[in-house]
């Protein structure tokens, strides 16, 4: 695995993990009625997902251009992190909305 490929895979893992953490913090904030903080955390999660997608797009572009990429457990792990973080962020948005409705009647 070359350095550029490793950096892209690690970018997926790190940014996806950051997105999931921010989404969880959004849920915690909403649970306490701190909706401005929850909204900021959702925005941060979405920004981290954009960065993760940039890493993924770089890998997909290389493969589409005919470069043979080595699929390792680390690569699969990075994709798993991304998909989980996307799902978790979507769910966090819904939970923040539910808490907002509960607090605002």
N, C-alpha and C. Protein backbone atom coordinates (compact mmCIF):
# COMPACT_ATOMS: atom_id res chain seq x y z
N UNK A 1 0.86 -1.17 0.00
CA UNK A 1 0.00 0.00 0.00
C UNK A 1 0.90 1.23 0.00
N UNK A 2 0.75 2.08 -1.02
CA UNK A 2 1.61 3.27 -1.07
C UNK A 2 1.10 4.35 -0.11
N UNK A 3 1.93 5.34 0.11
CA UNK A 3 1.65 6.38 1.11
C UNK A 3 0.37 7.16 0.79
N UNK A 4 0.18 7.51 -0.47
CA UNK A 4 -1.00 8.28 -0.86
C UNK A 4 -2.29 7.48 -0.61
N UNK A 5 -2.25 6.20 -0.94
CA UNK A 5 -3.40 5.32 -0.72
C UNK A 5 -3.67 5.19 0.78
N UNK A 6 -2.63 4.99 1.56
CA UNK A 6 -2.78 4.88 3.02
C UNK A 6 -3.36 6.16 3.61
N UNK A 7 -2.91 7.30 3.14
CA UNK A 7 -3.45 8.58 3.63
C UNK A 7 -4.93 8.74 3.30
N UNK A 8 -5.34 8.30 2.13
CA UNK A 8 -6.75 8.37 1.75
C UNK A 8 -7.59 7.46 2.63
N UNK A 9 -7.12 6.25 2.86
CA UNK A 9 -7.84 5.31 3.71
C UNK A 9 -7.92 5.84 5.14
N UNK A 10 -6.82 6.37 5.65
CA UNK A 10 -6.83 6.92 7.01
C UNK A 10 -7.72 8.16 7.09
N UNK A 11 -7.75 8.95 6.01
CA UNK A 11 -8.65 10.10 5.96
C UNK A 11 -10.10 9.67 6.08
N UNK A 12 -10.44 8.57 5.44
CA UNK A 12 -11.79 8.03 5.57
C UNK A 12 -12.09 7.65 7.02
N UNK A 13 -11.17 6.94 7.64
CA UNK A 13 -11.38 6.47 9.01
C UNK A 13 -11.48 7.64 9.99
N UNK A 14 -10.52 8.56 9.92
CA UNK A 14 -10.48 9.69 10.87
C UNK A 14 -11.70 10.58 10.71
N UNK A 15 -11.99 10.99 9.48
CA UNK A 15 -13.11 11.90 9.26
C UNK A 15 -14.45 11.25 9.54
N UNK A 16 -14.58 9.98 9.22
CA UNK A 16 -15.81 9.26 9.55
C UNK A 16 -15.99 9.15 11.05
N UNK A 17 -14.92 8.86 11.74
CA UNK A 17 -14.98 8.79 13.21
C UNK A 17 -15.34 10.13 13.82
N UNK A 18 -14.78 11.20 13.28
CA UNK A 18 -15.13 12.54 13.77
C UNK A 18 -16.60 12.84 13.53
N UNK A 19 -17.11 12.44 12.38
CA UNK A 19 -18.52 12.67 12.07
C UNK A 19 -19.41 11.94 13.06
N UNK A 20 -19.10 10.71 13.34
CA UNK A 20 -19.91 9.93 14.28
C UNK A 20 -19.86 10.54 15.67
N UNK A 21 -18.70 10.97 16.10
CA UNK A 21 -18.56 11.60 17.42
C UNK A 21 -19.37 12.89 17.50
N UNK A 22 -19.28 13.72 16.47
CA UNK A 22 -20.04 14.96 16.45
C UNK A 22 -21.54 14.68 16.45
N UNK A 23 -21.97 13.68 15.71
CA UNK A 23 -23.39 13.33 15.68
C UNK A 23 -23.86 12.87 17.06
N UNK A 24 -23.04 12.10 17.74
CA UNK A 24 -23.40 11.65 19.10
C UNK A 24 -23.49 12.83 20.05
N UNK A 25 -22.56 13.76 19.93
CA UNK A 25 -22.59 14.95 20.77
C UNK A 25 -23.82 15.80 20.47
N UNK A 26 -24.27 15.80 19.22
CA UNK A 26 -25.50 16.52 18.86
C UNK A 26 -26.69 15.91 19.59
N UNK A 27 -26.74 14.60 19.65
CA UNK A 27 -27.84 13.93 20.35
C UNK A 27 -27.81 14.29 21.84
N UNK A 28 -26.62 14.22 22.44
CA UNK A 28 -26.50 14.57 23.87
C UNK A 28 -26.93 16.00 24.12
N UNK A 29 -26.53 16.91 23.26
CA UNK A 29 -26.89 18.32 23.43
C UNK A 29 -28.40 18.50 23.30
N UNK A 30 -29.00 17.87 22.32
CA UNK A 30 -30.45 17.99 22.13
C UNK A 30 -31.21 17.41 23.31
N UNK A 31 -30.69 16.34 23.86
CA UNK A 31 -31.33 15.71 25.02
C UNK A 31 -31.39 16.67 26.20
N UNK A 32 -30.41 17.57 26.28
CA UNK A 32 -30.37 18.57 27.35
C UNK A 32 -31.06 19.87 26.95
N UNK A 33 -31.65 19.91 25.76
CA UNK A 33 -32.33 21.11 25.30
C UNK A 33 -31.42 22.16 24.71
N UNK A 34 -30.18 21.82 24.42
CA UNK A 34 -29.20 22.75 23.86
C UNK A 34 -29.21 22.61 22.33
N UNK A 35 -30.23 23.19 21.71
CA UNK A 35 -30.45 22.95 20.28
C UNK A 35 -29.49 23.71 19.38
N UNK A 36 -29.03 24.85 19.82
CA UNK A 36 -28.03 25.58 19.02
C UNK A 36 -26.74 24.76 18.95
N UNK A 37 -26.33 24.21 20.09
CA UNK A 37 -25.14 23.35 20.13
C UNK A 37 -25.37 22.09 19.30
N UNK A 38 -26.55 21.50 19.39
CA UNK A 38 -26.86 20.30 18.62
C UNK A 38 -26.76 20.58 17.12
N UNK A 39 -27.30 21.73 16.71
CA UNK A 39 -27.24 22.09 15.29
C UNK A 39 -25.81 22.29 14.82
N UNK A 40 -24.99 22.90 15.67
CA UNK A 40 -23.57 23.09 15.31
C UNK A 40 -22.85 21.74 15.19
N UNK A 41 -23.17 20.83 16.08
CA UNK A 41 -22.54 19.50 16.03
C UNK A 41 -22.97 18.73 14.79
N UNK A 42 -24.22 18.89 14.39
CA UNK A 42 -24.68 18.25 13.15
C UNK A 42 -23.93 18.83 11.96
N UNK A 43 -23.76 20.16 11.95
CA UNK A 43 -23.00 20.80 10.87
C UNK A 43 -21.56 20.28 10.83
N UNK A 44 -20.97 20.12 12.01
CA UNK A 44 -19.60 19.61 12.08
C UNK A 44 -19.54 18.16 11.57
N UNK A 45 -20.54 17.37 11.92
CA UNK A 45 -20.60 15.98 11.44
C UNK A 45 -20.70 15.96 9.92
N UNK A 46 -21.55 16.81 9.37
CA UNK A 46 -21.71 16.86 7.92
C UNK A 46 -20.41 17.31 7.23
N UNK A 47 -19.72 18.25 7.83
CA UNK A 47 -18.45 18.72 7.26
C UNK A 47 -17.41 17.60 7.28
N UNK A 48 -17.37 16.84 8.35
CA UNK A 48 -16.43 15.72 8.43
C UNK A 48 -16.77 14.65 7.39
N UNK A 49 -18.06 14.44 7.15
CA UNK A 49 -18.47 13.49 6.12
C UNK A 49 -18.04 13.95 4.73
N UNK A 50 -18.12 15.25 4.50
CA UNK A 50 -17.65 15.78 3.20
C UNK A 50 -16.17 15.48 3.03
N UNK A 51 -15.39 15.70 4.08
CA UNK A 51 -13.96 15.40 4.00
C UNK A 51 -13.71 13.91 3.76
N UNK A 52 -14.49 13.07 4.43
CA UNK A 52 -14.36 11.63 4.22
C UNK A 52 -14.70 11.27 2.77
N UNK A 53 -15.74 11.90 2.25
CA UNK A 53 -16.12 11.64 0.86
C UNK A 53 -15.02 12.06 -0.12
N UNK A 54 -14.31 13.14 0.20
CA UNK A 54 -13.19 13.55 -0.65
C UNK A 54 -12.15 12.45 -0.73
N UNK A 55 -11.85 11.84 0.40
CA UNK A 55 -10.89 10.73 0.42
C UNK A 55 -11.42 9.56 -0.42
N UNK A 56 -12.68 9.25 -0.23
CA UNK A 56 -13.27 8.14 -0.97
C UNK A 56 -13.29 8.43 -2.47
N UNK A 57 -13.65 9.65 -2.83
CA UNK A 57 -13.70 10.02 -4.25
C UNK A 57 -12.33 9.90 -4.90
N UNK A 58 -11.29 10.27 -4.18
CA UNK A 58 -9.94 10.13 -4.70
C UNK A 58 -9.61 8.68 -5.02
N UNK A 59 -10.01 7.78 -4.13
CA UNK A 59 -9.77 6.35 -4.37
C UNK A 59 -10.59 5.84 -5.55
N UNK A 60 -11.85 6.24 -5.61
CA UNK A 60 -12.72 5.81 -6.70
C UNK A 60 -12.24 6.33 -8.05
N UNK A 61 -11.75 7.55 -8.06
CA UNK A 61 -11.24 8.14 -9.30
C UNK A 61 -10.04 7.36 -9.81
N UNK A 62 -9.14 7.02 -8.92
CA UNK A 62 -7.96 6.23 -9.32
C UNK A 62 -8.37 4.90 -9.93
N UNK A 63 -9.32 4.25 -9.27
CA UNK A 63 -9.77 2.96 -9.78
C UNK A 63 -10.47 3.11 -11.13
N UNK A 64 -11.28 4.16 -11.27
CA UNK A 64 -11.98 4.40 -12.54
C UNK A 64 -11.00 4.70 -13.68
N UNK A 65 -9.84 5.22 -13.33
CA UNK A 65 -8.81 5.53 -14.33
C UNK A 65 -7.95 4.32 -14.65
N UNK A 66 -8.29 3.18 -14.06
CA UNK A 66 -7.60 1.94 -14.39
C UNK A 66 -6.50 1.54 -13.43
N UNK A 67 -6.28 2.33 -12.40
CA UNK A 67 -5.24 1.96 -11.43
C UNK A 67 -5.76 0.83 -10.54
N UNK A 68 -5.00 -0.21 -10.43
CA UNK A 68 -5.39 -1.35 -9.60
C UNK A 68 -5.09 -1.01 -8.14
N UNK A 69 -6.14 -0.97 -7.32
CA UNK A 69 -5.97 -0.66 -5.90
C UNK A 69 -6.01 -1.94 -5.08
N UNK A 70 -5.13 -2.00 -4.10
CA UNK A 70 -5.08 -3.15 -3.21
C UNK A 70 -6.20 -3.03 -2.17
N UNK A 71 -7.06 -4.03 -2.13
CA UNK A 71 -8.14 -4.03 -1.14
C UNK A 71 -7.65 -4.82 0.07
N UNK A 72 -7.52 -4.12 1.18
CA UNK A 72 -7.05 -4.74 2.42
C UNK A 72 -8.16 -4.64 3.47
N UNK A 73 -7.92 -5.27 4.59
CA UNK A 73 -8.86 -5.17 5.70
C UNK A 73 -9.00 -3.71 6.14
N UNK A 74 -7.91 -2.97 6.07
CA UNK A 74 -7.95 -1.55 6.43
C UNK A 74 -8.86 -0.77 5.48
N UNK A 75 -8.83 -1.10 4.20
CA UNK A 75 -9.70 -0.46 3.23
C UNK A 75 -11.16 -0.76 3.53
N UNK A 76 -11.45 -2.01 3.78
CA UNK A 76 -12.82 -2.41 4.11
C UNK A 76 -13.27 -1.72 5.39
N UNK A 77 -12.40 -1.66 6.36
CA UNK A 77 -12.69 -0.99 7.64
C UNK A 77 -13.03 0.48 7.40
N UNK A 78 -12.29 1.14 6.53
CA UNK A 78 -12.54 2.56 6.26
C UNK A 78 -13.91 2.77 5.63
N UNK A 79 -14.30 1.90 4.72
CA UNK A 79 -15.61 2.00 4.08
C UNK A 79 -16.72 1.72 5.09
N UNK A 80 -16.49 0.77 5.97
CA UNK A 80 -17.45 0.46 7.03
C UNK A 80 -17.66 1.67 7.93
N UNK A 81 -16.57 2.33 8.30
CA UNK A 81 -16.67 3.54 9.13
C UNK A 81 -17.49 4.61 8.43
N UNK A 82 -17.24 4.81 7.15
CA UNK A 82 -17.96 5.83 6.41
C UNK A 82 -19.46 5.54 6.37
N UNK A 83 -19.82 4.34 6.01
CA UNK A 83 -21.25 4.02 5.90
C UNK A 83 -21.94 4.10 7.26
N UNK A 84 -21.28 3.64 8.30
CA UNK A 84 -21.85 3.73 9.64
C UNK A 84 -22.03 5.19 10.06
N UNK A 85 -21.06 6.02 9.77
CA UNK A 85 -21.13 7.43 10.15
C UNK A 85 -22.21 8.18 9.39
N UNK A 86 -22.40 7.85 8.13
CA UNK A 86 -23.48 8.47 7.36
C UNK A 86 -24.83 8.11 7.98
N UNK A 87 -25.02 6.84 8.26
CA UNK A 87 -26.26 6.38 8.86
C UNK A 87 -26.47 7.00 10.23
N UNK A 88 -25.42 7.04 11.02
CA UNK A 88 -25.51 7.59 12.37
C UNK A 88 -25.84 9.07 12.34
N UNK A 89 -25.25 9.81 11.42
CA UNK A 89 -25.52 11.24 11.30
C UNK A 89 -26.97 11.47 10.88
N UNK A 90 -27.46 10.68 9.94
CA UNK A 90 -28.86 10.79 9.54
C UNK A 90 -29.79 10.53 10.72
N UNK A 91 -29.49 9.52 11.49
CA UNK A 91 -30.30 9.20 12.66
C UNK A 91 -30.21 10.31 13.71
N UNK A 92 -29.04 10.87 13.89
CA UNK A 92 -28.86 11.96 14.87
C UNK A 92 -29.71 13.16 14.49
N UNK A 93 -29.79 13.48 13.20
CA UNK A 93 -30.64 14.59 12.75
C UNK A 93 -32.09 14.35 13.15
N UNK A 94 -32.54 13.14 12.97
CA UNK A 94 -33.92 12.81 13.33
C UNK A 94 -34.14 12.91 14.84
N UNK A 95 -33.19 12.40 15.60
CA UNK A 95 -33.32 12.47 17.06
C UNK A 95 -33.29 13.91 17.57
N UNK A 96 -32.47 14.74 17.00
CA UNK A 96 -32.44 16.16 17.38
C UNK A 96 -33.80 16.77 17.11
N UNK A 97 -34.39 16.45 15.97
CA UNK A 97 -35.73 16.97 15.66
C UNK A 97 -36.78 16.48 16.65
N UNK A 98 -36.69 15.22 17.03
CA UNK A 98 -37.63 14.67 18.02
C UNK A 98 -37.49 15.39 19.36
N UNK A 99 -36.26 15.57 19.81
CA UNK A 99 -36.04 16.29 21.07
C UNK A 99 -36.53 17.72 20.97
N UNK A 100 -36.32 18.35 19.83
CA UNK A 100 -36.77 19.73 19.63
C UNK A 100 -38.30 19.82 19.78
N UNK A 101 -38.99 18.87 19.22
CA UNK A 101 -40.45 18.82 19.32
C UNK A 101 -40.90 18.56 20.74
N UNK A 102 -40.19 17.68 21.42
CA UNK A 102 -40.54 17.40 22.83
C UNK A 102 -40.37 18.64 23.71
N UNK A 103 -39.30 19.37 23.49
CA UNK A 103 -39.02 20.56 24.30
C UNK A 103 -39.94 21.72 23.95
N UNK A 104 -40.32 21.81 22.66
CA UNK A 104 -41.11 22.95 22.23
C UNK A 104 -42.61 22.66 22.20
N UNK A 105 -42.97 21.44 22.54
CA UNK A 105 -44.39 21.09 22.62
C UNK A 105 -44.94 20.89 21.30
